[in-house]
Amino acid sequence: MKVFVTGATGFVGRNFLEWLLRNQPDVSVTCLVRDVHKAQAQWPIAPQNVQWLAGDLLEPDSYRAALSGVNAVFHAAALVSLKNGPEFYRMNTEATRNLVAALGEGKDLQRLVFVSSISAVDRPMHEPAVDLLDEDFAPHPNTDYGKSKLLAEEVVSYSGLPYTILRPAYIYGPHPRLNSSMDRLIRDISAQTPYTRFPFPGQASGIHAQDLAAMMWLAAQHPQAENEAFFVSNPQPIPIVEAFAHIASALNVPYRPLERAPEHIRRAQHRWYHRQPDHLVLRILFENFFACNPAKWYRATGFQPTFDYSAGLNDTVRWYQAHGLL
């Protein structure tokens, strides 16, 4: 099988490539990278079945020829942040449009797997986040990042190519992006920053990067995944305070949430919301804003994740410690 991977030096793509080489060693892989030297530094012992192709998604001529005869494309490259700006549309939407155009009719293509985001759907900012997001929710992205991902989903779904769209929630595991939300959270809990002890009532959904990698491969193979979009995460969301506790346990630091009456928590929520009414992180901490129901994925594929939240967060912290980042 011949596959093409974008974003192989990033968080999701690198984990996918590691999973692929470990579990599908006979696959022939072409990885589109902007910096071959960076890729070679990440993989000092070059896998024999991997070709690094220097190119740019915004310049289709730099990779069009490499798409000939490809059976599966895994599009994980993205500019990721819960922020705003025109660059998101260029790097996420236009790049995806160029990739789809370069694929043409995709005569040998069995599946285009696009890694989107829960942020492509989101929720209206001024409505309470009670129910878990699922595929029946009308998209209402709150950031240019989320909007650019939703537009990229539309490019993929109207392409005429066989596709699967995956919308992961929080992703954790090895090779994280520096200054990501998970990166900052682990450092704050390690430093016992006071806010990490507040008994936030929210829940969030997440998935370990290696489980996401397995989901990406299954999405390219499973007939029930063709031309579908899925939220992907562990089967249930995790309470924020429970996630904090797992991270603290892995770090071996004391953790005891402050005892606060529900009315005190509601007053704090109202006060913080009043100061920053459109602050996404506050919505995530106090509500189920980034919590989804991935039941459609599990019904369609029968997938079973390897990592529950405890094991996955512990594995993430161990990676930080092994690489001297704490």
Protein backbone atom coordinates (compact mmCIF):
# COMPACT_ATOMS: atom_id res chain seq x y z
CA MET A 1 0.00 0.00 0.00
CA LYS A 2 1.23 3.47 -0.88
CA VAL A 3 0.33 6.35 1.45
CA PHE A 4 0.96 10.09 1.56
CA VAL A 5 1.21 11.96 4.87
CA THR A 6 1.14 15.70 5.55
CA GLY A 7 2.29 17.21 8.83
CA ALA A 8 4.63 14.31 9.67
CA THR A 9 6.93 16.51 11.77
CA GLY A 10 4.04 17.89 13.84
CA PHE A 11 2.32 16.49 16.90
CA VAL A 12 -0.40 14.41 15.24
CA GLY A 13 1.58 13.50 12.12
CA ARG A 14 4.68 12.38 13.99
CA ASN A 15 2.65 10.15 16.28
CA PHE A 16 0.84 8.74 13.25
CA LEU A 17 4.10 7.97 11.46
CA GLU A 18 5.48 6.24 14.56
CA TRP A 19 2.30 4.16 14.85
CA LEU A 20 2.33 3.36 11.14
CA LEU A 21 5.94 2.17 11.08
CA ARG A 22 5.36 0.04 14.17
CA ASN A 23 2.08 -1.53 13.05
CA GLN A 24 2.18 -1.43 9.22
CA PRO A 25 5.89 -1.86 8.38
CA ASP A 26 5.26 -2.91 4.76
CA VAL A 27 3.50 0.32 3.80
CA SER A 28 5.35 2.69 1.46
CA VAL A 29 5.16 6.21 2.91
CA THR A 30 5.79 9.61 1.36
CA CYS A 31 5.86 12.45 3.89
CA LEU A 32 5.46 16.01 2.63
CA VAL A 33 7.61 18.25 4.82
CA ARG A 34 8.73 21.84 4.50
CA ASP A 35 12.04 21.11 6.25
CA VAL A 36 13.75 17.83 5.38
CA HIS A 37 16.55 18.53 7.87
CA LYS A 38 13.99 18.78 10.69
CA ALA A 39 12.45 15.48 9.63
CA GLN A 40 15.84 13.77 9.46
CA ALA A 41 16.72 15.13 12.91
CA GLN A 42 13.52 13.60 14.31
CA TRP A 43 14.35 10.29 12.63
CA PRO A 44 18.16 9.92 12.76
CA ILE A 45 17.82 6.28 11.70
CA ALA A 46 15.90 6.72 8.47
CA PRO A 47 13.07 4.19 7.99
CA GLN A 48 13.69 2.43 4.69
CA ASN A 49 10.07 2.66 3.56
CA VAL A 50 9.75 6.43 4.21
CA GLN A 51 10.55 9.14 1.69
CA TRP A 52 10.86 12.76 2.82
CA LEU A 53 9.51 15.07 0.14
CA ALA A 54 10.42 18.74 0.45
CA GLY A 55 7.40 20.80 -0.49
CA ASP A 56 4.61 23.11 0.59
CA LEU A 57 0.87 22.41 0.55
CA LEU A 58 0.36 25.91 -0.81
CA GLU A 59 2.54 25.02 -3.83
CA PRO A 60 0.89 21.94 -5.39
CA ASP A 61 3.53 21.55 -8.06
CA SER A 62 5.99 20.65 -5.33
CA TYR A 63 4.14 17.42 -4.52
CA ARG A 64 1.61 16.69 -7.29
CA ALA A 65 3.75 13.99 -8.93
CA ALA A 66 4.16 12.15 -5.61
CA LEU A 67 0.37 11.66 -5.38
CA SER A 68 0.34 9.41 -8.44
CA GLY A 69 -0.70 5.89 -7.46
CA VAL A 70 -1.29 6.81 -3.82
CA ASN A 71 -3.88 4.63 -2.07
CA ALA A 72 -4.45 6.69 1.08
CA VAL A 73 -3.75 10.30 2.06
CA PHE A 74 -3.52 11.31 5.71
CA HIS A 75 -3.84 15.08 5.95
CA ALA A 76 -2.66 16.08 9.43
CA ALA A 77 -0.82 19.32 8.63
CA ALA A 78 -2.44 22.38 10.20
CA LEU A 79 -1.89 25.67 11.93
CA VAL A 80 -3.37 24.92 15.37
CA SER A 81 -4.47 27.44 18.00
CA LEU A 82 -7.69 28.68 19.57
CA LYS A 83 -6.99 32.12 18.15
CA ASN A 84 -7.93 34.34 15.22
CA GLY A 85 -6.20 35.66 12.12
CA PRO A 86 -6.15 35.30 8.33
CA GLU A 87 -3.22 32.89 8.42
CA PHE A 88 -5.51 30.08 9.60
CA TYR A 89 -7.49 30.23 6.35
CA ARG A 90 -4.31 30.13 4.28
CA MET A 91 -2.65 27.28 6.16
CA ASN A 92 -5.75 25.19 6.86
CA THR A 93 -8.41 25.94 4.24
CA GLU A 94 -6.36 26.92 1.18
CA ALA A 95 -3.78 24.22 1.84
CA THR A 96 -6.53 21.60 1.94
CA ARG A 97 -8.09 22.99 -1.23
CA ASN A 98 -4.73 22.73 -3.00
CA LEU A 99 -4.22 19.15 -1.83
CA VAL A 100 -7.65 18.10 -3.07
CA ALA A 101 -7.05 19.79 -6.43
CA ALA A 102 -3.64 18.11 -6.77
CA LEU A 103 -5.25 14.72 -6.15
CA GLY A 104 -7.47 15.25 -9.18
CA GLU A 105 -9.71 12.26 -9.75
CA GLY A 106 -7.58 10.14 -7.41
CA LYS A 107 -7.93 7.01 -9.52
CA ASP A 108 -6.00 4.81 -7.08
CA LEU A 109 -7.18 6.62 -3.95
CA GLN A 110 -9.09 4.50 -1.48
CA ARG A 111 -9.49 7.18 1.22
CA LEU A 112 -8.54 10.75 2.08
CA VAL A 113 -8.40 11.01 5.87
CA PHE A 114 -8.64 14.60 7.07
CA VAL A 115 -7.79 15.42 10.68
CA SER A 116 -10.12 18.28 11.53
CA SER A 117 -11.01 19.44 15.06
CA ILE A 118 -13.82 19.65 17.58
CA SER A 119 -13.36 23.42 17.10
CA ALA A 120 -14.87 23.12 13.62
CA VAL A 121 -18.24 22.61 15.33
CA ASP A 122 -18.01 24.31 18.74
CA ARG A 123 -21.06 25.92 20.34
CA PRO A 124 -22.63 29.38 20.42
CA MET A 125 -20.68 31.40 22.98
CA HIS A 126 -23.74 32.76 24.79
CA GLU A 127 -25.66 29.51 25.19
CA PRO A 128 -24.95 27.11 28.07
CA ALA A 129 -22.88 24.06 27.13
CA VAL A 130 -24.94 21.25 28.61
CA ASP A 131 -25.28 18.43 26.07
CA LEU A 132 -22.28 16.64 24.60
CA LEU A 133 -21.41 17.66 21.05
CA ASP A 134 -22.24 15.09 18.40
CA GLU A 135 -22.60 14.95 14.63
CA ASP A 136 -26.15 16.36 14.78
CA PHE A 137 -24.99 19.70 16.18
CA ALA A 138 -25.07 22.61 13.75
CA PRO A 139 -21.52 23.97 13.37
CA HIS A 140 -20.86 27.22 15.17
CA PRO A 141 -17.06 27.69 15.30
CA ASN A 142 -15.93 30.55 17.54
CA THR A 143 -12.41 31.15 16.23
CA ASP A 144 -10.76 31.63 12.87
CA TYR A 145 -8.97 28.38 13.56
CA GLY A 146 -12.28 26.54 13.92
CA LYS A 147 -13.83 28.35 10.95
CA SER A 148 -10.86 27.48 8.76
CA LYS A 149 -11.18 23.83 9.75
CA LEU A 150 -14.91 23.79 8.98
CA LEU A 151 -14.27 25.29 5.54
CA ALA A 152 -11.58 22.67 4.96
CA GLU A 153 -14.09 19.97 5.91
CA GLU A 154 -16.42 21.33 3.23
CA VAL A 155 -13.62 21.23 0.67
CA VAL A 156 -13.01 17.57 1.49
CA SER A 157 -16.67 16.53 1.62
CA TYR A 158 -17.49 18.18 -1.74
CA SER A 159 -14.34 16.91 -3.45
CA GLY A 160 -15.91 13.80 -4.96
CA LEU A 161 -13.09 11.76 -3.43
CA PRO A 162 -13.65 8.97 -0.88
CA TYR A 163 -12.96 10.60 2.48
CA THR A 164 -13.22 10.36 6.25
CA ILE A 165 -13.19 13.42 8.50
CA LEU A 166 -12.03 13.02 12.10
CA ARG A 167 -12.75 15.69 14.70
CA PRO A 168 -10.56 15.02 17.73
CA ALA A 169 -11.03 16.88 20.98
CA TYR A 170 -7.99 17.45 23.22
CA ILE A 171 -5.03 15.37 22.06
CA TYR A 172 -2.27 14.40 24.47
CA GLY A 173 0.73 12.09 24.33
CA PRO A 174 4.35 12.14 23.09
CA HIS A 175 5.86 14.97 21.00
CA PRO A 176 3.42 17.71 22.11
CA ARG A 177 3.51 21.23 20.74
CA LEU A 178 5.35 23.57 23.07
CA ASN A 179 3.02 26.14 24.66
CA SER A 180 -0.05 24.07 23.82
CA SER A 181 -2.84 24.02 26.41
CA MET A 182 -1.73 20.57 27.64
CA ASP A 183 1.89 21.73 27.79
CA ARG A 184 0.97 24.73 29.94
CA LEU A 185 -1.36 22.69 32.15
CA ILE A 186 1.30 20.09 32.97
CA ARG A 187 3.77 22.82 33.86
CA ASP A 188 1.19 24.67 35.99
CA ILE A 189 0.26 21.54 37.93
CA SER A 190 3.94 20.73 38.37
CA ALA A 191 4.43 24.24 39.80
CA GLN A 192 1.24 23.85 41.89
CA THR A 193 -0.16 27.05 40.41
CA PRO A 194 -3.18 28.09 42.55
CA TYR A 195 -5.86 27.96 39.81
CA THR A 196 -5.21 24.23 39.33
CA ARG A 197 -6.75 23.61 42.78
CA PHE A 198 -10.05 25.33 42.01
CA PRO A 199 -12.90 22.75 41.76
CA PHE A 200 -13.92 23.55 38.20
CA PRO A 201 -17.19 21.74 37.33
CA GLY A 202 -16.51 21.33 33.60
CA GLN A 203 -15.80 18.19 31.61
CA ALA A 204 -13.68 17.76 28.47
CA SER A 205 -13.09 15.03 25.93
CA GLY A 206 -9.67 13.86 24.87
CA ILE A 207 -7.70 11.17 23.08
CA HIS A 208 -4.14 9.91 23.28
CA ALA A 209 -2.14 10.69 20.15
CA GLN A 210 -1.31 7.02 19.54
CA ASP A 211 -4.98 6.06 19.76
CA LEU A 212 -5.76 8.87 17.32
CA ALA A 213 -3.11 7.43 15.01
CA ALA A 214 -4.80 4.03 15.13
CA MET A 215 -8.13 5.73 14.42
CA MET A 216 -6.63 7.47 11.38
CA TRP A 217 -5.47 4.16 9.93
CA LEU A 218 -8.82 2.49 10.64
CA ALA A 219 -10.60 5.44 9.03
CA ALA A 220 -8.70 4.71 5.82
CA GLN A 221 -9.71 1.05 5.86
CA HIS A 222 -13.16 0.67 7.32
CA PRO A 223 -16.06 0.67 4.83
CA GLN A 224 -18.43 2.23 7.39
CA ALA A 225 -16.13 5.22 7.71
CA GLU A 226 -16.26 6.22 4.05
CA ASN A 227 -17.70 9.69 3.35
CA GLU A 228 -18.46 10.28 7.03
CA ALA A 229 -17.38 12.76 9.71
CA PHE A 230 -16.78 11.62 13.28
CA PHE A 231 -16.00 13.11 16.64
CA VAL A 232 -13.15 11.03 18.05
CA SER A 233 -12.16 10.84 21.70
CA ASN A 234 -12.22 8.39 24.57
CA PRO A 235 -15.77 7.05 24.99
CA GLN A 236 -16.64 9.43 27.85
CA PRO A 237 -15.47 12.94 28.75
CA ILE A 238 -13.41 13.44 31.90
CA PRO A 239 -14.16 15.94 34.69
CA ILE A 240 -11.57 18.71 34.69
CA VAL A 241 -10.61 18.10 38.32
CA GLU A 242 -10.11 14.40 37.60
CA ALA A 243 -7.75 15.23 34.73
CA PHE A 244 -5.84 17.57 37.04
CA ALA A 245 -5.63 14.78 39.64
CA HIS A 246 -4.27 12.25 37.12
CA ILE A 247 -1.58 14.69 35.99
CA ALA A 248 -0.62 15.54 39.57
CA SER A 249 -0.38 11.84 40.44
CA ALA A 250 1.89 11.21 37.46
CA LEU A 251 4.03 14.18 38.48
CA ASN A 252 4.06 12.96 42.10
CA VAL A 253 3.00 16.36 43.40
CA PRO A 254 0.35 16.98 46.07
CA TYR A 255 -3.12 17.64 44.73
CA ARG A 256 -6.19 18.46 46.75
CA PRO A 257 -8.93 20.59 45.19
CA LEU A 258 -10.23 23.43 47.30
CA GLU A 259 -13.53 22.69 49.00
CA ARG A 260 -16.09 25.17 47.75
CA ALA A 261 -19.87 25.19 47.97
CA PRO A 262 -21.75 25.10 44.64
CA GLU A 263 -22.96 28.66 45.22
CA HIS A 264 -19.36 29.85 45.64
CA ILE A 265 -18.40 28.16 42.37
CA ARG A 266 -21.35 29.80 40.58
CA ARG A 267 -20.36 33.23 41.92
CA ALA A 268 -16.77 32.75 40.79
CA GLN A 269 -17.99 31.63 37.38
CA HIS A 270 -20.26 34.67 37.06
CA ARG A 271 -17.46 37.02 38.14
CA TRP A 272 -14.90 35.57 35.71
CA TYR A 273 -17.40 35.41 32.85
CA HIS A 274 -18.37 39.03 33.49
CA ARG A 275 -14.73 40.08 33.18
CA GLN A 276 -14.04 37.94 30.08
CA PRO A 277 -17.39 36.94 28.53
CA ASP A 278 -15.91 35.29 25.42
CA HIS A 279 -12.99 33.50 27.06
CA LEU A 280 -12.95 29.96 25.63
CA VAL A 281 -10.74 28.51 28.36
CA LEU A 282 -13.17 29.64 31.06
CA ARG A 283 -16.05 28.00 29.17
CA ILE A 284 -14.02 24.79 29.00
CA LEU A 285 -13.19 24.85 32.72
CA PHE A 286 -16.70 25.65 33.96
CA GLU A 287 -18.89 23.82 31.41
CA ASN A 288 -18.92 20.88 29.01
CA PHE A 289 -17.77 23.15 26.20
CA PHE A 290 -15.14 20.78 24.75
CA ALA A 291 -16.99 17.58 25.57
CA CYS A 292 -18.27 15.35 22.78
CA ASN A 293 -20.08 12.07 22.26
CA PRO A 294 -18.01 9.81 19.94
CA ALA A 295 -20.61 7.02 19.89
CA LYS A 296 -21.01 7.22 16.09
CA TRP A 297 -17.33 6.34 15.62
CA TYR A 298 -17.44 3.41 18.01
CA ARG A 299 -20.67 2.05 16.51
CA ALA A 300 -19.28 2.26 12.99
CA THR A 301 -15.83 0.79 13.61
CA GLY A 302 -15.86 -1.17 16.87
CA PHE A 303 -12.60 0.55 17.81
CA GLN A 304 -11.21 0.07 21.32
CA PRO A 305 -8.73 2.68 22.60
CA THR A 306 -5.49 1.50 24.19
CA PHE A 307 -5.24 4.39 26.65
CA ASP A 308 -7.84 5.45 29.17
CA TYR A 309 -7.42 8.94 30.63
CA SER A 310 -5.31 7.82 33.57
CA ALA A 311 -2.87 5.79 31.46
CA GLY A 312 -2.79 8.38 28.67
CA LEU A 313 -2.06 11.38 30.91
CA ASN A 314 0.52 9.35 32.82
CA ASP A 315 2.22 8.43 29.54
CA THR A 316 2.25 12.11 28.53
CA VAL A 317 3.91 13.18 31.78
CA ARG A 318 6.45 10.36 31.50
CA TRP A 319 7.41 11.63 28.04
CA TYR A 320 7.99 15.13 29.44
CA GLN A 321 10.16 13.72 32.22
CA ALA A 322 12.14 11.45 29.91
CA HIS A 323 12.97 14.42 27.67
CA GLY A 324 13.94 16.75 30.51
CA LEU A 325 11.07 19.17 29.93
CA LEU A 326 9.94 19.39 33.55
